[in-house]
Amino acid sequence: NIEECAFYTIGQLAHLIRTRQVTSLELTTMYLERLKRHGPTLECVITLTEELALKQARRADKNIKAGRYLGPLHGIPYGAKDLLAVPGYKTTWGAMTHKDQVLDETATVVQKLEDAGAVLVAKLTLGALAWGDVWYGGKTRNPWNTEQGSSGSSAGPGSATAAGLVAFAIGSETWGSIVSPANRNGVTGLRPTFGTVSKAGAMALAWSMDKLGPMCRSVDDCALVYSVIKGTDGKDLSVVDVPFQVPTKKALKSLRIGYIESAFKDTSTSDNDRAVLDRLRQLGFKLVPIELPEFPTNSLSFLLSAEAAAAFDELTRLNRDDDLVRQVKNAWPNEFRQARHIPAVEYIQANRARIVLNQKMAKLFETIDIYVAPSFWGDNLLRTNLSGHPCVVLPNGFNEKGSPTSISFMGDLYKDGEVVAVAHVYQRGTGWHKKYPEKFNSD
């Protein structure tokens, strides 16, 4: 039964394809059928790229038969957050204002995945203009509890990956948009170091903070996808080429792993989070108590609003923001308009302060290589998005309501390989990533 493969990891699927036990066309057809069956329930699909997917799958199978194997993503079906341009298909940004937009370009990430033999089966939902889980067609659902939203803004990538509708997905993060839906839907996400993955062909929200990254069923899968999508393209000049080096087993044990002591002592911190530290010690890691450098990080959050308002200035000027679905006080239309009143002097001073924050974080990473934190503790999420540090978020259990919970590992700039390696050892030693929502795993 091909549907038994729906929740397989990329590594497992790649083995089946390479050894010709299944074809890419069979896998692609299976995932397309699951997207058609469950997509409406989860409201996680904007556009099925069926014609393109079948063409790419047939090409992948033809290459296999000819002895041309392109690597572990060869023939693997995936979904892309619908802020990535794909010619011939709508790129809606999840917004009523752009629901018929067709961009005649291919996002670099999509092109790199195609070059590696991957098969694009769907463009997945995002909260309109990359905020939340409400898009112009509805509210994306959490497959563990369909009464609940999937969180966002990488709503569709989180929901579809968790429900076994794609083998993996590409999401994006500016301030929590990979971490939050990965947490809610119980998947594993990698938010890479800023400037290691090209944003060419992707919607801009905040040019100095946007990051594209994989959302998968395991840390290993995230590493496989990241190794393909990283690197320069001559278009996004903020991107640099750095090696993706995963440390050896011996080097791994010598890494200095910090944990935010006050976070794990906090009474609001869950037992699931505290158990992570015990498990890491059992796995042979030496943990170092740390505290994040003191800094008024939240006072810099308006930088994102200012960049977003600039990105969608025309929308505001033409009053087209009235067409966005979410019109509550705390939504984009008001954010865009309020941001127009940010004084230029304050904006400049905040960017100067951001440099100081980055310097303080650099000092911290002189004493440690990686640190662990509850995914939403304090200002850590905003802080590391402002500083551009990489993060792996992965499941660490369930709460009393049966919903997934997560833990986050942060690494030094351009040391994505180190944080991936430590997160992998933890994940391999637990197995929470092998739990799937029953409703979508029993048909």
Protein backbone atom coordinates (compact mmCIF):
# COMPACT_ATOMS: atom_id res chain seq x y z
CA ASN A 1 0.00 0.00 0.00
CA ILE A 2 1.76 3.13 -1.27
CA GLU A 3 -0.12 5.26 1.28
CA GLU A 4 1.94 3.68 4.05
CA CYS A 5 4.76 5.87 2.73
CA ALA A 6 2.87 9.10 3.49
CA PHE A 7 4.71 9.68 6.78
CA TYR A 8 8.10 8.31 5.72
CA THR A 9 11.13 10.55 6.08
CA ILE A 10 12.99 11.85 3.04
CA GLY A 11 15.75 9.32 3.75
CA GLN A 12 13.29 6.42 3.72
CA LEU A 13 11.56 7.64 0.55
CA ALA A 14 14.89 8.29 -1.17
CA HIS A 15 15.97 4.70 -0.50
CA LEU A 16 12.75 3.36 -2.04
CA ILE A 17 13.14 5.56 -5.13
CA ARG A 18 16.85 4.89 -5.61
CA THR A 19 16.35 1.12 -5.32
CA ARG A 20 13.30 1.33 -7.63
CA GLN A 21 10.91 -0.14 -5.06
CA VAL A 22 8.59 2.80 -5.78
CA THR A 23 8.54 5.39 -8.53
CA SER A 24 8.36 9.13 -8.08
CA LEU A 25 5.13 9.06 -10.08
CA GLU A 26 3.56 6.64 -7.59
CA LEU A 27 4.61 8.80 -4.64
CA THR A 28 3.52 12.00 -6.35
CA THR A 29 0.10 10.56 -7.23
CA MET A 30 -0.35 9.36 -3.64
CA TYR A 31 0.50 12.76 -2.15
CA LEU A 32 -1.71 14.57 -4.69
CA GLU A 33 -4.62 12.32 -3.72
CA ARG A 34 -4.00 12.98 -0.02
CA LEU A 35 -3.85 16.73 -0.70
CA LYS A 36 -7.19 16.54 -2.51
CA ARG A 37 -8.74 14.42 0.26
CA HIS A 38 -7.47 16.25 3.34
CA GLY A 39 -6.56 19.71 2.00
CA PRO A 40 -10.13 21.05 2.27
CA THR A 41 -10.42 19.86 5.90
CA LEU A 42 -7.16 21.49 6.91
CA GLU A 43 -7.52 24.50 4.57
CA CYS A 44 -3.78 24.20 3.96
CA VAL A 45 -3.60 24.23 0.14
CA ILE A 46 -3.89 27.27 -2.11
CA THR A 47 -2.93 25.69 -5.44
CA LEU A 48 -2.24 22.11 -6.48
CA THR A 49 0.60 22.16 -9.01
CA GLU A 50 -0.58 18.84 -10.42
CA GLU A 51 0.44 19.25 -14.05
CA LEU A 52 3.93 20.41 -13.10
CA ALA A 53 4.26 17.69 -10.45
CA LEU A 54 3.37 14.85 -12.80
CA LYS A 55 5.79 16.20 -15.40
CA GLN A 56 8.61 16.48 -12.82
CA ALA A 57 7.85 13.01 -11.42
CA ARG A 58 7.98 11.39 -14.87
CA ARG A 59 11.28 13.17 -15.55
CA ALA A 60 12.65 11.93 -12.21
CA ASP A 61 11.69 8.34 -13.06
CA LYS A 62 13.16 8.65 -16.54
CA ASN A 63 16.47 9.84 -15.05
CA ILE A 64 16.52 6.94 -12.58
CA LYS A 65 16.02 4.45 -15.41
CA ALA A 66 18.86 6.10 -17.32
CA GLY A 67 21.16 5.81 -14.31
CA ARG A 68 21.11 9.53 -13.54
CA TYR A 69 20.41 9.76 -9.80
CA LEU A 70 20.55 13.36 -8.58
CA GLY A 71 20.67 12.72 -4.82
CA PRO A 72 18.36 12.21 -1.84
CA LEU A 73 15.69 14.70 -3.01
CA HIS A 74 15.39 13.02 -6.43
CA GLY A 75 11.70 12.33 -7.04
CA ILE A 76 10.57 13.48 -3.57
CA PRO A 77 7.24 15.42 -3.54
CA TYR A 78 7.13 18.63 -1.51
CA GLY A 79 5.04 21.74 -0.91
CA ALA A 80 6.06 25.42 -0.96
CA LYS A 81 4.65 28.26 1.09
CA ASP A 82 2.75 30.40 -1.42
CA LEU A 83 5.11 33.34 -1.19
CA LEU A 84 7.54 31.58 -3.55
CA ALA A 85 7.13 32.36 -7.25
CA VAL A 86 6.44 29.52 -9.67
CA PRO A 87 5.71 30.50 -13.31
CA GLY A 88 2.35 29.41 -14.67
CA TYR A 89 0.77 29.27 -11.22
CA LYS A 90 -0.68 31.90 -8.92
CA THR A 91 1.56 33.28 -6.16
CA THR A 92 -1.06 34.73 -3.84
CA TRP A 93 0.92 35.56 -0.69
CA GLY A 94 -2.21 34.26 1.06
CA ALA A 95 -3.88 37.65 0.60
CA MET A 96 -7.15 38.66 -1.05
CA THR A 97 -5.25 41.59 -2.57
CA HIS A 98 -2.94 39.23 -4.47
CA LYS A 99 -5.12 36.14 -4.98
CA ASP A 100 -4.86 36.31 -8.78
CA GLN A 101 -1.18 37.34 -8.95
CA VAL A 102 0.99 35.35 -11.38
CA LEU A 103 4.73 36.02 -11.29
CA ASP A 104 6.76 35.06 -14.34
CA GLU A 105 9.82 33.90 -12.41
CA THR A 106 10.99 30.90 -10.46
CA ALA A 107 12.09 31.47 -6.88
CA THR A 108 15.71 30.40 -6.43
CA VAL A 109 14.77 27.90 -3.71
CA VAL A 110 12.19 26.28 -6.01
CA GLN A 111 14.73 26.15 -8.85
CA LYS A 112 17.40 24.57 -6.64
CA LEU A 113 14.95 21.92 -5.50
CA GLU A 114 13.93 21.22 -9.10
CA ASP A 115 17.59 20.90 -10.08
CA ALA A 116 17.96 18.34 -7.26
CA GLY A 117 15.05 16.34 -8.71
CA ALA A 118 12.39 17.28 -6.13
CA VAL A 119 8.74 17.40 -7.23
CA LEU A 120 6.53 20.40 -6.36
CA VAL A 121 3.00 19.11 -5.64
CA ALA A 122 1.38 22.15 -4.01
CA LYS A 123 1.60 25.79 -3.09
CA LEU A 124 0.60 25.87 0.55
CA THR A 125 -1.17 28.45 2.67
CA LEU A 126 0.28 31.28 4.68
CA GLY A 127 -1.43 33.83 6.84
CA ALA A 128 -2.10 36.82 4.59
CA LEU A 129 1.15 38.66 3.82
CA ALA A 130 2.95 36.33 6.25
CA TRP A 131 1.08 36.87 9.51
CA GLY A 132 -0.85 34.15 11.34
CA ASP A 133 -2.88 31.33 9.84
CA VAL A 134 -5.83 33.24 8.32
CA TRP A 135 -5.63 33.56 4.53
CA TYR A 136 -8.12 34.74 1.94
CA GLY A 137 -9.75 31.28 1.71
CA GLY A 138 -10.09 30.46 5.41
CA LYS A 139 -8.07 29.48 8.47
CA THR A 140 -5.48 26.71 8.20
CA ARG A 141 -6.06 23.91 10.72
CA ASN A 142 -3.87 21.91 13.07
CA PRO A 143 -4.12 18.20 12.13
CA TRP A 144 -3.80 17.23 15.82
CA ASN A 145 -6.89 19.30 16.61
CA THR A 146 -8.83 20.63 13.65
CA GLU A 147 -10.79 22.99 15.91
CA GLN A 148 -7.51 24.87 16.33
CA GLY A 149 -5.56 26.96 13.85
CA SER A 150 -2.17 25.74 12.65
CA SER A 151 -0.41 28.95 13.73
CA GLY A 152 1.72 30.75 11.18
CA SER A 153 2.68 32.29 9.10
CA SER A 154 4.05 29.06 7.56
CA ALA A 155 0.62 27.62 8.23
CA GLY A 156 0.26 25.28 5.26
CA PRO A 157 3.82 23.92 5.43
CA GLY A 158 3.33 23.01 9.10
CA SER A 159 -0.14 21.52 8.68
CA ALA A 160 0.51 19.62 5.43
CA THR A 161 3.81 18.14 6.63
CA ALA A 162 2.27 17.02 9.93
CA ALA A 163 -0.70 15.40 8.16
CA GLY A 164 1.47 13.50 5.69
CA LEU A 165 0.23 15.44 2.65
CA VAL A 166 3.79 16.22 1.49
CA ALA A 167 7.19 14.71 2.25
CA PHE A 168 8.50 18.13 3.32
CA ALA A 169 7.77 21.80 2.83
CA ILE A 170 9.52 25.14 2.51
CA GLY A 171 8.48 27.80 5.00
CA SER A 172 9.81 31.21 5.96
CA GLU A 173 10.42 33.12 9.16
CA THR A 174 10.76 36.76 10.04
CA TRP A 175 9.65 36.50 13.67
CA GLY A 176 8.44 33.00 14.57
CA SER A 177 6.85 31.88 11.31
CA ILE A 178 8.72 28.56 11.20
CA VAL A 179 9.10 28.02 14.95
CA SER A 180 5.45 28.65 15.85
CA PRO A 181 3.74 26.37 13.28
CA ALA A 182 6.42 23.70 13.78
CA ASN A 183 5.57 23.78 17.48
CA ARG A 184 1.80 23.74 16.94
CA ASN A 185 1.81 20.96 14.33
CA GLY A 186 4.56 18.80 15.82
CA VAL A 187 7.04 18.98 12.96
CA THR A 188 10.75 19.80 12.82
CA GLY A 189 11.89 23.11 11.38
CA LEU A 190 15.22 24.69 10.52
CA ARG A 191 15.44 28.46 10.48
CA PRO A 192 18.86 28.93 8.87
CA THR A 193 21.38 31.66 9.54
CA PHE A 194 20.20 34.86 7.84
CA GLY A 195 21.89 35.25 4.47
CA THR A 196 22.59 31.59 3.74
CA VAL A 197 19.50 30.92 1.58
CA SER A 198 18.48 33.17 -1.31
CA LYS A 199 15.19 35.04 -1.02
CA ALA A 200 15.04 35.79 -4.77
CA GLY A 201 11.51 35.16 -6.01
CA ALA A 202 10.06 35.22 -2.48
CA MET A 203 7.70 37.82 -1.05
CA ALA A 204 9.59 40.40 0.99
CA LEU A 205 8.23 41.24 4.42
CA ALA A 206 11.34 42.53 6.20
CA TRP A 207 14.43 42.48 4.00
CA SER A 208 16.85 42.37 6.94
CA MET A 209 15.02 39.57 8.78
CA ASP A 210 13.36 37.21 6.24
CA LYS A 211 14.70 33.66 6.13
CA LEU A 212 13.54 30.64 4.09
CA GLY A 213 13.90 27.19 5.59
CA PRO A 214 12.65 23.59 5.56
CA MET A 215 9.83 22.11 7.65
CA CYS A 216 10.15 18.34 7.78
CA ARG A 217 9.54 15.16 9.74
CA SER A 218 13.06 15.00 11.17
CA VAL A 219 16.23 17.00 11.74
CA ASP A 220 17.99 14.78 9.18
CA ASP A 221 15.40 15.76 6.57
CA CYS A 222 15.91 19.46 7.35
CA ALA A 223 19.65 19.00 6.82
CA LEU A 224 19.11 17.28 3.46
CA VAL A 225 16.85 20.07 2.20
CA TYR A 226 19.02 22.87 3.58
CA SER A 227 22.12 21.45 1.90
CA VAL A 228 20.30 21.82 -1.44
CA ILE A 229 18.68 25.26 -1.03
CA LYS A 230 21.61 27.10 0.60
CA GLY A 231 24.16 29.20 -1.26
CA THR A 232 24.47 32.21 -3.53
CA ASP A 233 22.57 32.73 -6.77
CA GLY A 234 23.83 36.12 -7.99
CA LYS A 235 20.39 37.65 -7.34
CA ASP A 236 20.05 38.00 -3.57
CA LEU A 237 23.24 39.84 -2.69
CA SER A 238 22.70 39.38 1.06
CA VAL A 239 23.57 35.69 0.65
CA VAL A 240 27.05 34.30 1.24
CA ASP A 241 28.46 30.85 0.52
CA VAL A 242 29.49 29.06 3.69
CA PRO A 243 30.16 25.34 4.09
CA PHE A 244 27.48 23.27 5.80
CA GLN A 245 29.74 21.33 8.13
CA VAL A 246 28.27 18.75 10.47
CA PRO A 247 30.78 17.90 13.23
CA THR A 248 32.16 14.41 13.69
CA LYS A 249 30.96 12.33 16.65
CA LYS A 250 34.14 13.18 18.54
CA ALA A 251 33.86 16.91 17.82
CA LEU A 252 30.18 16.82 18.73
CA LYS A 253 30.90 15.74 22.31
CA SER A 254 33.29 18.66 22.79
CA LEU A 255 30.69 21.28 21.86
CA ARG A 256 29.78 23.67 24.67
CA ILE A 257 26.01 23.52 25.09
CA GLY A 258 24.34 26.22 27.14
CA TYR A 259 20.86 26.33 28.58
CA ILE A 260 19.09 29.46 29.80
CA GLU A 261 19.05 28.69 33.52
CA SER A 262 16.29 31.11 34.49
CA ALA A 263 14.06 29.76 31.71
CA PHE A 264 14.24 26.19 32.95
CA LYS A 265 13.73 27.30 36.58
CA ASP A 266 10.67 29.35 35.64
CA THR A 267 7.47 27.81 37.02
CA SER A 268 5.71 28.38 33.68
CA THR A 269 8.24 26.15 31.90
CA SER A 270 6.83 22.72 31.14
CA ASP A 271 8.09 19.36 32.36
CA ASN A 272 8.63 18.48 28.68
CA ASP A 273 11.18 21.28 28.38
CA ARG A 274 12.96 20.35 31.61
CA ALA A 275 13.12 16.72 30.49
CA VAL A 276 15.17 17.84 27.45
CA LEU A 277 18.07 18.82 29.70
CA ASP A 278 18.01 15.44 31.45
CA ARG A 279 17.95 13.64 28.12
CA LEU A 280 20.87 15.68 26.76
CA ARG A 281 22.93 14.81 29.84
CA GLN A 282 22.02 11.13 29.44
CA LEU A 283 23.20 11.36 25.83
CA GLY A 284 26.63 12.47 27.03
CA PHE A 285 26.49 16.25 26.59
CA LYS A 286 27.90 18.60 29.21
CA LEU A 287 25.52 21.48 29.79
CA VAL A 288 26.52 24.98 30.85
CA PRO A 289 24.06 27.32 32.61
CA ILE A 290 23.85 30.71 30.86
CA GLU A 291 21.71 33.82 30.73
CA LEU A 292 21.05 35.87 27.63
CA PRO A 293 22.80 39.25 27.68
CA GLU A 294 20.53 41.93 29.11
CA PHE A 295 19.01 44.02 26.36
CA PRO A 296 15.66 45.79 25.76
CA THR A 297 15.03 43.58 22.72
CA ASN A 298 11.28 44.13 22.53
CA SER A 299 11.83 47.85 21.99
CA LEU A 300 13.29 46.97 18.57
CA SER A 301 10.24 45.05 17.34
CA PHE A 302 8.99 48.09 15.40
CA LEU A 303 11.86 47.55 12.93
CA LEU A 304 9.86 44.68 11.46
CA SER A 305 6.73 46.85 11.22
CA ALA A 306 8.67 49.61 9.46
CA GLU A 307 10.17 47.23 6.89
CA ALA A 308 6.80 45.53 6.32
CA ALA A 309 5.08 48.88 5.86
CA ALA A 310 7.71 49.84 3.28
CA ALA A 311 7.26 46.50 1.50
CA PHE A 312 3.49 47.09 1.22
CA ASP A 313 3.49 50.88 0.96
CA GLU A 314 1.52 50.88 -2.29
CA LEU A 315 -1.17 48.69 -0.73
CA THR A 316 -1.64 51.25 2.04
CA ARG A 317 -1.50 54.31 -0.24
CA LEU A 318 -4.17 52.89 -2.56
CA ASN A 319 -6.38 51.80 0.38
CA ARG A 320 -6.22 48.24 -0.91
CA ASP A 321 -5.39 47.06 2.60
CA ASP A 322 -9.17 47.29 3.19
CA ASP A 323 -9.46 44.10 1.11
CA LEU A 324 -7.39 42.00 3.52
CA VAL A 325 -9.50 39.50 5.47
CA ARG A 326 -8.13 40.29 8.95
CA GLN A 327 -9.22 43.81 9.90
CA VAL A 328 -8.90 43.61 13.69
CA LYS A 329 -6.92 46.19 15.65
CA ASN A 330 -3.79 44.03 15.77
CA ALA A 331 -3.50 43.18 12.05
CA TRP A 332 -1.50 44.33 9.02
CA PRO A 333 -3.73 47.24 7.87
CA ASN A 334 -3.29 49.10 11.17
CA GLU A 335 0.35 48.02 11.53
CA PHE A 336 1.20 49.40 8.08
CA ARG A 337 -0.50 52.73 8.79
CA GLN A 338 0.95 53.15 12.27
CA ALA A 339 4.44 52.37 11.00
CA ARG A 340 4.27 55.41 8.72
CA HIS A 341 4.50 57.54 11.88
CA ILE A 342 7.77 56.01 13.11
CA PRO A 343 10.30 58.89 13.20
CA ALA A 344 13.32 58.37 10.97
CA VAL A 345 15.60 59.22 13.90
CA GLU A 346 14.05 56.44 16.03
CA TYR A 347 14.41 53.97 13.17
CA ILE A 348 18.11 54.81 12.78
CA GLN A 349 18.72 54.62 16.54
CA ALA A 350 17.00 51.23 16.70
CA ASN A 351 19.24 49.89 13.96
CA ARG A 352 22.28 51.17 15.85
CA ALA A 353 20.98 49.42 18.95
CA ARG A 354 20.51 46.27 16.90
CA ILE A 355 24.25 46.29 16.17
CA VAL A 356 24.90 46.42 19.91
CA LEU A 357 22.55 43.45 20.40
CA ASN A 358 24.44 41.53 17.72
CA GLN A 359 27.73 42.32 19.45
CA LYS A 360 26.36 41.06 22.78
CA MET A 361 25.19 37.83 21.14
CA ALA A 362 28.61 37.40 19.53
CA LYS A 363 30.17 37.71 23.01
CA LEU A 364 27.80 35.04 24.32
CA PHE A 365 28.86 32.64 21.56
CA GLU A 366 32.49 33.07 22.57
CA THR A 367 31.60 31.05 25.69
CA ILE A 368 29.25 28.44 24.14
CA ASP A 369 28.59 26.84 20.75
CA ILE A 370 24.86 26.14 21.09
CA TYR A 371 22.14 26.88 23.60
CA VAL A 372 18.77 25.34 24.39
CA ALA A 373 15.62 27.28 25.26
CA PRO A 374 11.87 26.75 25.54
CA SER A 375 10.63 27.79 22.10
CA PHE A 376 8.74 30.90 23.25
CA TRP A 377 10.69 31.92 26.34
CA GLY A 378 11.27 35.61 26.96
CA ASP A 379 12.58 37.63 24.03
CA ASN A 380 14.67 34.77 22.61
CA LEU A 381 12.58 34.37 19.44
CA LEU A 382 12.69 38.06 18.52
CA ARG A 383 16.31 38.40 19.65
CA THR A 384 17.60 35.58 17.43
CA ASN A 385 15.54 36.74 14.46
CA LEU A 386 17.03 40.22 14.78
CA SER A 387 20.54 38.78 15.12
CA GLY A 388 20.07 36.17 12.37
CA HIS A 389 21.18 33.14 14.41
CA PRO A 390 20.09 29.66 13.24
CA CYS A 391 17.49 27.66 15.13
CA VAL A 392 16.24 24.09 15.01
CA VAL A 393 12.78 23.60 16.54
CA LEU A 394 11.62 20.03 17.14
CA PRO A 395 8.96 18.08 19.06
CA ASN A 396 9.63 17.22 22.70
CA GLY A 397 6.32 15.69 23.78
CA PHE A 398 2.65 16.54 24.21
CA ASN A 399 0.74 18.73 26.65
CA GLU A 400 -2.21 17.67 28.81
CA LYS A 401 -4.59 18.37 25.90
CA GLY A 402 -2.69 16.02 23.59
CA SER A 403 -1.16 18.79 21.48
CA PRO A 404 2.52 18.69 20.45
CA THR A 405 5.11 20.77 22.28
CA SER A 406 8.60 21.76 21.15
CA ILE A 407 12.09 22.78 22.20
CA SER A 408 14.50 25.06 20.33
CA PHE A 409 18.26 24.78 19.78
CA MET A 410 20.12 27.95 18.75
CA GLY A 411 23.54 27.97 17.11
CA ASP A 412 26.21 30.50 16.23
CA LEU A 413 26.08 32.38 12.93
CA TYR A 414 26.90 30.14 9.94
CA LYS A 415 27.28 27.13 12.28
CA ASP A 416 23.99 25.57 11.17
CA GLY A 417 25.74 22.20 10.95
CA GLU A 418 26.53 22.22 14.67
CA VAL A 419 23.01 23.02 15.81
CA VAL A 420 21.59 20.44 13.39
CA ALA A 421 23.98 17.79 14.73
CA VAL A 422 23.07 18.33 18.39
CA ALA A 423 19.34 18.50 17.63
CA HIS A 424 19.67 15.27 15.63
CA VAL A 425 21.27 13.41 18.55
CA TYR A 426 18.51 14.60 20.89
CA GLN A 427 15.79 13.66 18.39
CA ARG A 428 17.26 10.23 17.74
CA GLY A 429 17.29 9.67 21.50
CA THR A 430 13.61 10.51 21.97
CA GLY A 431 11.38 9.61 19.02
CA TRP A 432 8.69 12.28 19.46
CA HIS A 433 8.99 13.09 15.75
CA LYS A 434 7.64 9.62 14.92
CA LYS A 435 4.19 10.41 16.36
CA TYR A 436 1.57 11.34 13.76
CA PRO A 437 -2.00 12.68 14.04
CA GLU A 438 -4.25 9.61 14.11
CA LYS A 439 -7.02 11.13 12.00
CA PHE A 440 -4.66 11.45 9.03
CA ASN A 441 -2.67 8.28 9.67
CA SER A 442 -5.47 5.71 9.70
CA ASP A 443 -7.06 5.81 6.25
